[in-house]
Amino acid sequence: MTVSPATLLTTLATLAALTSVARAGGGEPWVLSPDMGYGYTRDGRTLAFKMGTSNAKELLKGARKVPRETLFFLGANGQLYMRSGPFLEGDGSFKFGADQ
């Protein structure tokens, strides 16, 4: 099974974002490393891998950049989702935050 770098990055970013929001009640920057790959398996597991550069061309084949203003989240069913479009209010608060 081949996993694109975008998919790998998406998975880690999603988990980091969800953990940060749950812990701090607000957004925090993600800490991503360029020498790591992040995967979301077909059975829903998330994994992190140390990456090399010997096959970078193969890794980038079929990869796509993640557009700005993309939100990643886990649905109530445990499925990983992404949504393109604004997710912050004009004041910088999270548009889909906890009910007040």
PDB file of N, CA and C in Angstrom:
ATOM      1  N   MET A   1       0.846  -1.175   0.000  1.00  0.00           N
ATOM      2  CA  MET A   1       0.000   0.000   0.000  1.00  0.00           C
ATOM      3  C   MET A   1       0.892   1.238   0.000  1.00  0.00           C
ATOM      4  N   THR A   2       0.642   2.163  -0.903  1.00  0.00           N
ATOM      5  CA  THR A   2       1.402   3.405  -0.980  1.00  0.00           C
ATOM      6  C   THR A   2       0.591   4.515  -0.348  1.00  0.00           C
ATOM      7  N   VAL A   3       1.216   5.267   0.528  1.00  0.00           N
ATOM      8  CA  VAL A   3       0.556   6.391   1.206  1.00  0.00           C
ATOM      9  C   VAL A   3       1.271   7.669   0.805  1.00  0.00           C
ATOM     10  N   SER A   4       0.516   8.654   0.348  1.00  0.00           N
ATOM     11  CA  SER A   4       1.131   9.909  -0.082  1.00  0.00           C
ATOM     12  C   SER A   4       1.619  10.714   1.111  1.00  0.00           C
ATOM     13  N   PRO A   5       2.622  11.562   0.893  1.00  0.00           N
ATOM     14  CA  PRO A   5       3.110  12.410   1.982  1.00  0.00           C
ATOM     15  C   PRO A   5       2.013  13.306   2.528  1.00  0.00           C
ATOM     16  N   ALA A   6       1.130  13.766   1.657  1.00  0.00           N
ATOM     17  CA  ALA A   6       0.036  14.629   2.113  1.00  0.00           C
ATOM     18  C   ALA A   6      -0.852  13.874   3.089  1.00  0.00           C
ATOM     19  N   THR A   7      -1.135  12.609   2.792  1.00  0.00           N
ATOM     20  CA  THR A   7      -1.959  11.798   3.690  1.00  0.00           C
ATOM     21  C   THR A   7      -1.260  11.598   5.020  1.00  0.00           C
ATOM     22  N   LEU A   8       0.019  11.330   4.958  1.00  0.00           N
ATOM     23  CA  LEU A   8       0.776  11.130   6.186  1.00  0.00           C
ATOM     24  C   LEU A   8       0.789  12.389   7.032  1.00  0.00           C
ATOM     25  N   LEU A   9       1.064  13.508   6.398  1.00  0.00           N
ATOM     26  CA  LEU A   9       1.107  14.779   7.102  1.00  0.00           C
ATOM     27  C   LEU A   9      -0.263  15.140   7.650  1.00  0.00           C
ATOM     28  N   THR A  10      -1.270  14.881   6.872  1.00  0.00           N
ATOM     29  CA  THR A  10      -2.642  15.167   7.282  1.00  0.00           C
ATOM     30  C   THR A  10      -2.992  14.449   8.580  1.00  0.00           C
ATOM     31  N   THR A  11      -2.615  13.203   8.657  1.00  0.00           N
ATOM     32  CA  THR A  11      -2.947  12.408   9.832  1.00  0.00           C
ATOM     33  C   THR A  11      -2.317  12.965  11.099  1.00  0.00           C
ATOM     34  N   LEU A  12      -1.033  13.241  11.030  1.00  0.00           N
ATOM     35  CA  LEU A  12      -0.381  13.780  12.220  1.00  0.00           C
ATOM     36  C   LEU A  12      -0.946  15.135  12.584  1.00  0.00           C
ATOM     37  N   ALA A  13      -1.136  15.946  11.584  1.00  0.00           N
ATOM     38  CA  ALA A  13      -1.649  17.287  11.827  1.00  0.00           C
ATOM     39  C   ALA A  13      -3.017  17.213  12.500  1.00  0.00           C
ATOM     40  N   THR A  14      -3.837  16.313  12.037  1.00  0.00           N
ATOM     41  CA  THR A  14      -5.169  16.146  12.615  1.00  0.00           C
ATOM     42  C   THR A  14      -5.081  15.760  14.077  1.00  0.00           C
ATOM     43  N   LEU A  15      -4.279  14.782  14.351  1.00  0.00           N
ATOM     44  CA  LEU A  15      -4.160  14.322  15.736  1.00  0.00           C
ATOM     45  C   LEU A  15      -3.570  15.392  16.638  1.00  0.00           C
ATOM     46  N   ALA A  16      -2.572  16.095  16.146  1.00  0.00           N
ATOM     47  CA  ALA A  16      -1.978  17.171  16.936  1.00  0.00           C
ATOM     48  C   ALA A  16      -2.998  18.266  17.205  1.00  0.00           C
ATOM     49  N   ALA A  17      -3.763  18.611  16.192  1.00  0.00           N
ATOM     50  CA  ALA A  17      -4.754  19.668  16.351  1.00  0.00           C
ATOM     51  C   ALA A  17      -5.843  19.259  17.332  1.00  0.00           C
ATOM     52  N   LEU A  18      -6.336  18.054  17.197  1.00  0.00           N
ATOM     53  CA  LEU A  18      -7.396  17.594  18.094  1.00  0.00           C
ATOM     54  C   LEU A  18      -6.906  17.527  19.530  1.00  0.00           C
ATOM     55  N   THR A  19      -5.705  17.040  19.727  1.00  0.00           N
ATOM     56  CA  THR A  19      -5.136  16.960  21.071  1.00  0.00           C
ATOM     57  C   THR A  19      -4.947  18.354  21.657  1.00  0.00           C
ATOM     58  N   SER A  20      -4.420  19.274  20.859  1.00  0.00           N
ATOM     59  CA  SER A  20      -4.176  20.633  21.339  1.00  0.00           C
ATOM     60  C   SER A  20      -5.467  21.333  21.702  1.00  0.00           C
ATOM     61  N   VAL A  21      -6.477  21.220  20.861  1.00  0.00           N
ATOM     62  CA  VAL A  21      -7.753  21.885  21.126  1.00  0.00           C
ATOM     63  C   VAL A  21      -8.395  21.311  22.371  1.00  0.00           C
ATOM     64  N   ALA A  22      -8.362  19.995  22.505  1.00  0.00           N
ATOM     65  CA  ALA A  22      -8.972  19.376  23.676  1.00  0.00           C
ATOM     66  C   ALA A  22      -8.241  19.788  24.955  1.00  0.00           C
ATOM     67  N   ARG A  23      -6.935  19.917  24.879  1.00  0.00           N
ATOM     68  CA  ARG A  23      -6.137  20.219  26.063  1.00  0.00           C
ATOM     69  C   ARG A  23      -6.201  21.690  26.430  1.00  0.00           C
ATOM     70  N   ALA A  24      -6.104  22.572  25.438  1.00  0.00           N
ATOM     71  CA  ALA A  24      -5.972  23.995  25.735  1.00  0.00           C
ATOM     72  C   ALA A  24      -7.241  24.792  25.474  1.00  0.00           C
ATOM     73  N   GLY A  25      -8.242  24.202  24.818  1.00  0.00           N
ATOM     74  CA  GLY A  25      -9.461  24.932  24.534  1.00  0.00           C
ATOM     75  C   GLY A  25      -9.294  25.933  23.406  1.00  0.00           C
ATOM     76  N   GLY A  26      -8.160  25.937  22.729  1.00  0.00           N
ATOM     77  CA  GLY A  26      -7.911  26.844  21.620  1.00  0.00           C
ATOM     78  C   GLY A  26      -6.875  26.262  20.700  1.00  0.00           C
ATOM     79  N   GLY A  27      -6.584  26.988  19.629  1.00  0.00           N
ATOM     80  CA  GLY A  27      -5.627  26.481  18.658  1.00  0.00           C
ATOM     81  C   GLY A  27      -4.190  26.687  19.088  1.00  0.00           C
ATOM     82  N   GLU A  28      -3.343  25.749  18.755  1.00  0.00           N
ATOM     83  CA  GLU A  28      -1.911  25.827  18.993  1.00  0.00           C
ATOM     84  C   GLU A  28      -1.212  25.410  17.715  1.00  0.00           C
ATOM     85  N   PRO A  29      -0.040  25.967  17.423  1.00  0.00           N
ATOM     86  CA  PRO A  29       0.690  25.552  16.216  1.00  0.00           C
ATOM     87  C   PRO A  29       1.086  24.080  16.283  1.00  0.00           C
ATOM     88  N   TRP A  30       1.055  23.420  15.154  1.00  0.00           N
ATOM     89  CA  TRP A  30       1.513  22.031  15.081  1.00  0.00           C
ATOM     90  C   TRP A  30       3.023  22.018  14.999  1.00  0.00           C
ATOM     91  N   VAL A  31       3.612  21.005  15.573  1.00  0.00           N
ATOM     92  CA  VAL A  31       5.045  20.803  15.453  1.00  0.00           C
ATOM     93  C   VAL A  31       5.237  19.593  14.540  1.00  0.00           C
ATOM     94  N   LEU A  32       5.593  19.874  13.282  1.00  0.00           N
ATOM     95  CA  LEU A  32       5.800  18.817  12.298  1.00  0.00           C
ATOM     96  C   LEU A  32       7.269  18.792  11.917  1.00  0.00           C
ATOM     97  N   SER A  33       7.778  17.628  11.638  1.00  0.00           N
ATOM     98  CA  SER A  33       9.189  17.479  11.298  1.00  0.00           C
ATOM     99  C   SER A  33       9.326  17.047   9.844  1.00  0.00           C
ATOM    100  N   PRO A  34      10.207  17.703   9.092  1.00  0.00           N
ATOM    101  CA  PRO A  34      10.352  17.361   7.679  1.00  0.00           C
ATOM    102  C   PRO A  34      10.948  15.980   7.438  1.00  0.00           C
ATOM    103  N   ASP A  35      11.544  15.364   8.449  1.00  0.00           N
ATOM    104  CA  ASP A  35      12.130  14.036   8.258  1.00  0.00           C
ATOM    105  C   ASP A  35      11.231  12.920   8.791  1.00  0.00           C
ATOM    106  N   MET A  36       9.966  13.250   9.011  1.00  0.00           N
ATOM    107  CA  MET A  36       9.009  12.263   9.508  1.00  0.00           C
ATOM    108  C   MET A  36       7.855  12.118   8.524  1.00  0.00           C
ATOM    109  N   GLY A  37       7.295  10.913   8.464  1.00  0.00           N
ATOM    110  CA  GLY A  37       6.089  10.646   7.697  1.00  0.00           C
ATOM    111  C   GLY A  37       5.008  10.207   8.666  1.00  0.00           C
ATOM    112  N   TYR A  38       3.785  10.580   8.364  1.00  0.00           N
ATOM    113  CA  TYR A  38       2.675  10.291   9.267  1.00  0.00           C
ATOM    114  C   TYR A  38       1.599   9.560   8.478  1.00  0.00           C
ATOM    115  N   GLY A  39       1.118   8.450   8.994  1.00  0.00           N
ATOM    116  CA  GLY A  39       0.171   7.630   8.247  1.00  0.00           C
ATOM    117  C   GLY A  39      -1.121   7.381   8.989  1.00  0.00           C
ATOM    118  N   TYR A  40      -2.157   7.179   8.201  1.00  0.00           N
ATOM    119  CA  TYR A  40      -3.489   6.811   8.691  1.00  0.00           C
ATOM    120  C   TYR A  40      -3.850   5.530   7.948  1.00  0.00           C
ATOM    121  N   THR A  41      -3.842   4.414   8.629  1.00  0.00           N
ATOM    122  CA  THR A  41      -4.013   3.117   7.974  1.00  0.00           C
ATOM    123  C   THR A  41      -5.469   2.831   7.646  1.00  0.00           C
ATOM    124  N   ARG A  42      -5.668   1.816   6.818  1.00  0.00           N
ATOM    125  CA  ARG A  42      -7.045   1.476   6.424  1.00  0.00           C
ATOM    126  C   ARG A  42      -7.880   0.975   7.592  1.00  0.00           C
ATOM    127  N   ASP A  43      -7.238   0.525   8.666  1.00  0.00           N
ATOM    128  CA  ASP A  43      -8.009   0.108   9.841  1.00  0.00           C
ATOM    129  C   ASP A  43      -8.101   1.214  10.895  1.00  0.00           C
ATOM    130  N   GLY A  44      -7.724   2.454  10.526  1.00  0.00           N
ATOM    131  CA  GLY A  44      -7.930   3.607  11.396  1.00  0.00           C
ATOM    132  C   GLY A  44      -6.809   3.905  12.366  1.00  0.00           C
ATOM    133  N   ARG A  45      -5.704   3.184  12.293  1.00  0.00           N
ATOM    134  CA  ARG A  45      -4.576   3.462  13.182  1.00  0.00           C
ATOM    135  C   ARG A  45      -3.767   4.625  12.624  1.00  0.00           C
ATOM    136  N   THR A  46      -3.088   5.335  13.498  1.00  0.00           N
ATOM    137  CA  THR A  46      -2.180   6.404  13.078  1.00  0.00           C
ATOM    138  C   THR A  46      -0.765   5.999  13.453  1.00  0.00           C
ATOM    139  N   LEU A  47       0.176   6.290  12.554  1.00  0.00           N
ATOM    140  CA  LEU A  47       1.563   5.890  12.746  1.00  0.00           C
ATOM    141  C   LEU A  47       2.495   7.017  12.337  1.00  0.00           C
ATOM    142  N   ALA A  48       3.677   7.063  12.934  1.00  0.00           N
ATOM    143  CA  ALA A  48       4.716   8.027  12.561  1.00  0.00           C
ATOM    144  C   ALA A  48       5.964   7.235  12.180  1.00  0.00           C
ATOM    145  N   PHE A  49       6.627   7.680  11.106  1.00  0.00           N
ATOM    146  CA  PHE A  49       7.800   6.992  10.592  1.00  0.00           C
ATOM    147  C   PHE A  49       8.945   7.972  10.375  1.00  0.00           C
ATOM    148  N   LYS A  50      10.165   7.559  10.687  1.00  0.00           N
ATOM    149  CA  LYS A  50      11.367   8.316  10.337  1.00  0.00           C
ATOM    150  C   LYS A  50      11.612   8.078   8.850  1.00  0.00           C
ATOM    151  N   MET A  51      11.781   9.160   8.081  1.00  0.00           N
ATOM    152  CA  MET A  51      11.924   9.040   6.633  1.00  0.00           C
ATOM    153  C   MET A  51      13.349   9.335   6.199  1.00  0.00           C
ATOM    154  N   GLY A  52      13.727   8.733   5.069  1.00  0.00           N
ATOM    155  CA  GLY A  52      15.005   8.997   4.430  1.00  0.00           C
ATOM    156  C   GLY A  52      14.767   9.769   3.146  1.00  0.00           C
ATOM    157  N   THR A  53      15.837   9.975   2.369  1.00  0.00           N
ATOM    158  CA  THR A  53      15.709  10.737   1.128  1.00  0.00           C
ATOM    159  C   THR A  53      16.057   9.917  -0.108  1.00  0.00           C
ATOM    160  N   SER A  54      16.407   8.655   0.054  1.00  0.00           N
ATOM    161  CA  SER A  54      16.869   7.854  -1.077  1.00  0.00           C
ATOM    162  C   SER A  54      15.787   7.623  -2.135  1.00  0.00           C
ATOM    163  N   ASN A  55      14.533   7.655  -1.763  1.00  0.00           N
ATOM    164  CA  ASN A  55      13.458   7.435  -2.729  1.00  0.00           C
ATOM    165  C   ASN A  55      12.444   8.589  -2.712  1.00  0.00           C
ATOM    166  N   ALA A  56      12.948   9.805  -2.581  1.00  0.00           N
ATOM    167  CA  ALA A  56      12.081  10.984  -2.481  1.00  0.00           C
ATOM    168  C   ALA A  56      11.229  11.178  -3.730  1.00  0.00           C
ATOM    169  N   LYS A  57      11.775  10.873  -4.912  1.00  0.00           N
ATOM    170  CA  LYS A  57      10.989  11.035  -6.141  1.00  0.00           C
ATOM    171  C   LYS A  57       9.763  10.134  -6.125  1.00  0.00           C
ATOM    172  N   GLU A  58       9.927   8.905  -5.670  1.00  0.00           N
ATOM    173  CA  GLU A  58       8.797   7.981  -5.590  1.00  0.00           C
ATOM    174  C   GLU A  58       7.782   8.460  -4.554  1.00  0.00           C
ATOM    175  N   LEU A  59       8.281   8.977  -3.450  1.00  0.00           N
ATOM    176  CA  LEU A  59       7.411   9.484  -2.390  1.00  0.00           C
ATOM    177  C   LEU A  59       6.546  10.634  -2.888  1.00  0.00           C
ATOM    178  N   LEU A  60       7.131  11.530  -3.668  1.00  0.00           N
ATOM    179  CA  LEU A  60       6.393  12.707  -4.147  1.00  0.00           C
ATOM    180  C   LEU A  60       5.473  12.405  -5.324  1.00  0.00           C
ATOM    181  N   LYS A  61       5.643  11.270  -5.969  1.00  0.00           N
ATOM    182  CA  LYS A  61       4.792  10.905  -7.104  1.00  0.00           C
ATOM    183  C   LYS A  61       3.355  10.727  -6.616  1.00  0.00           C
ATOM    184  N   GLY A  62       2.460  11.479  -7.161  1.00  0.00           N
ATOM    185  CA  GLY A  62       1.052  11.394  -6.773  1.00  0.00           C
ATOM    186  C   GLY A  62       0.696  12.209  -5.538  1.00  0.00           C
ATOM    187  N   ALA A  63       1.688  12.831  -4.905  1.00  0.00           N
ATOM    188  CA  ALA A  63       1.420  13.633  -3.701  1.00  0.00           C
ATOM    189  C   ALA A  63       0.810  14.969  -4.108  1.00  0.00           C
ATOM    190  N   ARG A  64      -0.003  15.526  -3.237  1.00  0.00           N
ATOM    191  CA  ARG A  64      -0.600  16.836  -3.467  1.00  0.00           C
ATOM    192  C   ARG A  64      -0.385  17.698  -2.237  1.00  0.00           C
ATOM    193  N   LYS A  65      -0.214  18.991  -2.470  1.00  0.00           N
ATOM    194  CA  LYS A  65      -0.099  19.926  -1.352  1.00  0.00           C
ATOM    195  C   LYS A  65      -1.464  20.061  -0.687  1.00  0.00           C
ATOM    196  N   VAL A  66      -1.447  20.239   0.618  1.00  0.00           N
ATOM    197  CA  VAL A  66      -2.685  20.476   1.356  1.00  0.00           C
ATOM    198  C   VAL A  66      -3.013  21.958   1.226  1.00  0.00           C
ATOM    199  N   PRO A  67      -4.232  22.289   0.753  1.00  0.00           N
ATOM    200  CA  PRO A  67      -4.573  23.705   0.593  1.00  0.00           C
ATOM    201  C   PRO A  67      -4.661  24.420   1.944  1.00  0.00           C
ATOM    202  N   ARG A  68      -4.358  25.705   1.916  1.00  0.00           N
ATOM    203  CA  ARG A  68      -4.536  26.518   3.126  1.00  0.00           C
ATOM    204  C   ARG A  68      -6.019  26.516   3.478  1.00  0.00           C
ATOM    205  N   GLU A  69      -6.312  26.827   4.725  1.00  0.00           N
ATOM    206  CA  GLU A  69      -7.679  26.814   5.250  1.00  0.00           C
ATOM    207  C   GLU A  69      -8.315  25.434   5.102  1.00  0.00           C
ATOM    208  N   THR A  70      -7.575  24.416   5.519  1.00  0.00           N
ATOM    209  CA  THR A  70      -8.090  23.049   5.550  1.00  0.00           C
ATOM    210  C   THR A  70      -8.118  22.589   6.998  1.00  0.00           C
ATOM    211  N   LEU A  71      -9.250  22.083   7.415  1.00  0.00           N
ATOM    212  CA  LEU A  71      -9.446  21.596   8.780  1.00  0.00           C
ATOM    213  C   LEU A  71      -9.548  20.081   8.733  1.00  0.00           C
ATOM    214  N   PHE A  72      -8.833  19.399   9.611  1.00  0.00           N
ATOM    215  CA  PHE A  72      -8.885  17.944   9.726  1.00  0.00           C
ATOM    216  C   PHE A  72      -9.526  17.601  11.061  1.00  0.00           C
ATOM    217  N   PHE A  73     -10.387  16.587  11.064  1.00  0.00           N
ATOM    218  CA  PHE A  73     -11.045  16.216  12.315  1.00  0.00           C
ATOM    219  C   PHE A  73     -11.541  14.786  12.257  1.00  0.00           C
ATOM    220  N   LEU A  74     -11.755  14.209  13.432  1.00  0.00           N
ATOM    221  CA  LEU A  74     -12.345  12.883  13.543  1.00  0.00           C
ATOM    222  C   LEU A  74     -13.837  13.043  13.780  1.00  0.00           C
ATOM    223  N   GLY A  75     -14.628  12.323  12.990  1.00  0.00           N
ATOM    224  CA  GLY A  75     -16.073  12.343  13.171  1.00  0.00           C
ATOM    225  C   GLY A  75     -16.475  11.457  14.333  1.00  0.00           C
ATOM    226  N   ALA A  76     -17.740  11.529  14.704  1.00  0.00           N
ATOM    227  CA  ALA A  76     -18.258  10.722  15.809  1.00  0.00           C
ATOM    228  C   ALA A  76     -18.092   9.224  15.516  1.00  0.00           C
ATOM    229  N   ASN A  77     -17.990   8.869  14.239  1.00  0.00           N
ATOM    230  CA  ASN A  77     -17.818   7.474  13.844  1.00  0.00           C
ATOM    231  C   ASN A  77     -16.350   7.040  13.845  1.00  0.00           C
ATOM    232  N   GLY A  78     -15.432   7.931  14.243  1.00  0.00           N
ATOM    233  CA  GLY A  78     -14.014   7.617  14.290  1.00  0.00           C
ATOM    234  C   GLY A  78     -13.299   7.783  12.961  1.00  0.00           C
ATOM    235  N   GLN A  79     -14.004   8.209  11.928  1.00  0.00           N
ATOM    236  CA  GLN A  79     -13.427   8.408  10.595  1.00  0.00           C
ATOM    237  C   GLN A  79     -12.717   9.750  10.527  1.00  0.00           C
ATOM    238  N   LEU A  80     -11.573   9.780   9.849  1.00  0.00           N
ATOM    239  CA  LEU A  80     -10.823  11.013   9.655  1.00  0.00           C
ATOM    240  C   LEU A  80     -11.436  11.783   8.490  1.00  0.00           C
ATOM    241  N   TYR A  81     -11.729  13.065   8.690  1.00  0.00           N
ATOM    242  CA  TYR A  81     -12.308  13.923   7.668  1.00  0.00           C
ATOM    243  C   TYR A  81     -11.438  15.160   7.474  1.00  0.00           C
ATOM    244  N   MET A  82     -11.623  15.809   6.319  1.00  0.00           N
ATOM    245  CA  MET A  82     -11.017  17.108   6.087  1.00  0.00           C
ATOM    246  C   MET A  82     -12.061  17.997   5.449  1.00  0.00           C
ATOM    247  N   ARG A  83     -11.987  19.286   5.756  1.00  0.00           N
ATOM    248  CA  ARG A  83     -12.932  20.267   5.232  1.00  0.00           C
ATOM    249  C   ARG A  83     -12.137  21.479   4.785  1.00  0.00           C
ATOM    250  N   SER A  84     -12.309  21.856   3.527  1.00  0.00           N
ATOM    251  CA  SER A  84     -11.649  23.055   3.029  1.00  0.00           C
ATOM    252  C   SER A  84     -12.566  24.245   3.201  1.00  0.00           C
ATOM    253  N   GLY A  85     -12.010  25.353   3.638  1.00  0.00           N
ATOM    254  CA  GLY A  85     -12.781  26.564   3.861  1.00  0.00           C
ATOM    255  C   GLY A  85     -12.437  27.154   5.210  1.00  0.00           C
ATOM    256  N   PRO A  86     -12.866  28.371   5.437  1.00  0.00           N
ATOM    257  CA  PRO A  86     -12.546  29.044   6.698  1.00  0.00           C
ATOM    258  C   PRO A  86     -13.039  28.262   7.916  1.00  0.00           C
ATOM    259  N   PHE A  87     -12.201  28.205   8.932  1.00  0.00           N
ATOM    260  CA  PHE A  87     -12.603  27.566  10.185  1.00  0.00           C
ATOM    261  C   PHE A  87     -12.344  28.465  11.385  1.00  0.00           C
ATOM    262  N   LEU A  88     -11.917  29.700  11.127  1.00  0.00           N
ATOM    263  CA  LEU A  88     -11.723  30.691  12.190  1.00  0.00           C
ATOM    264  C   LEU A  88     -12.696  31.843  11.982  1.00  0.00           C
ATOM    265  N   GLU A  89     -13.211  32.375  13.073  1.00  0.00           N
ATOM    266  CA  GLU A  89     -14.055  33.562  13.021  1.00  0.00           C
ATOM    267  C   GLU A  89     -13.176  34.782  12.782  1.00  0.00           C
ATOM    268  N   GLY A  90     -13.765  35.928  12.519  1.00  0.00           N
ATOM    269  CA  GLY A  90     -13.024  37.159  12.292  1.00  0.00           C
ATOM    270  C   GLY A  90     -12.110  37.541  13.438  1.00  0.00           C
ATOM    271  N   ASP A  91     -12.478  37.171  14.668  1.00  0.00           N
ATOM    272  CA  ASP A  91     -11.656  37.497  15.837  1.00  0.00           C
ATOM    273  C   ASP A  91     -10.582  36.438  16.119  1.00  0.00           C
ATOM    274  N   GLY A  92     -10.476  35.424  15.250  1.00  0.00           N
ATOM    275  CA  GLY A  92      -9.481  34.382  15.413  1.00  0.00           C
ATOM    276  C   GLY A  92      -9.941  33.191  16.220  1.00  0.00           C
ATOM    277  N   SER A  93     -11.177  33.234  16.735  1.00  0.00           N
ATOM    278  CA  SER A  93     -11.675  32.100  17.505  1.00  0.00           C
ATOM    279  C   SER A  93     -12.114  30.974  16.567  1.00  0.00           C
ATOM    280  N   PHE A  94     -12.129  29.759  17.080  1.00  0.00           N
ATOM    281  CA  PHE A  94     -12.478  28.587  16.308  1.00  0.00           C
ATOM    282  C   PHE A  94     -13.971  28.576  16.010  1.00  0.00           C
ATOM    283  N   LYS A  95     -14.312  28.522  14.751  1.00  0.00           N
ATOM    284  CA  LYS A  95     -15.694  28.601  14.279  1.00  0.00           C
ATOM    285  C   LYS A  95     -16.542  27.428  14.778  1.00  0.00           C
ATOM    286  N   PHE A  96     -15.936  26.276  14.991  1.00  0.00           N
ATOM    287  CA  PHE A  96     -16.680  25.081  15.367  1.00  0.00           C
ATOM    288  C   PHE A  96     -16.373  24.661  16.795  1.00  0.00           C
ATOM    289  N   GLY A  97     -16.101  25.612  17.666  1.00  0.00           N
ATOM    290  CA  GLY A  97     -15.736  25.331  19.053  1.00  0.00           C
ATOM    291  C   GLY A  97     -16.892  24.785  19.872  1.00  0.00           C
ATOM    292  N   ALA A  98     -16.574  24.491  21.111  1.00  0.00           N
ATOM    293  CA  ALA A  98     -17.578  23.948  22.029  1.00  0.00           C
ATOM    294  C   ALA A  98     -18.754  24.878  22.165  1.00  0.00           C
ATOM    295  N   ASP A  99     -19.936  24.308  22.348  1.00  0.00           N
ATOM    296  CA  ASP A  99     -21.144  25.122  22.543  1.00  0.00           C
ATOM    297  C   ASP A  99     -20.985  25.938  23.808  1.00  0.00           C
ATOM    298  N   GLN A 100     -21.341  27.180  23.715  1.00  0.00           N
ATOM    299  CA  GLN A 100     -21.186  28.093  24.843  1.00  0.00           C
ATOM    300  C   GLN A 100     -22.493  28.247  25.586  1.00  0.00           C
TER     301      GLN A 100
END
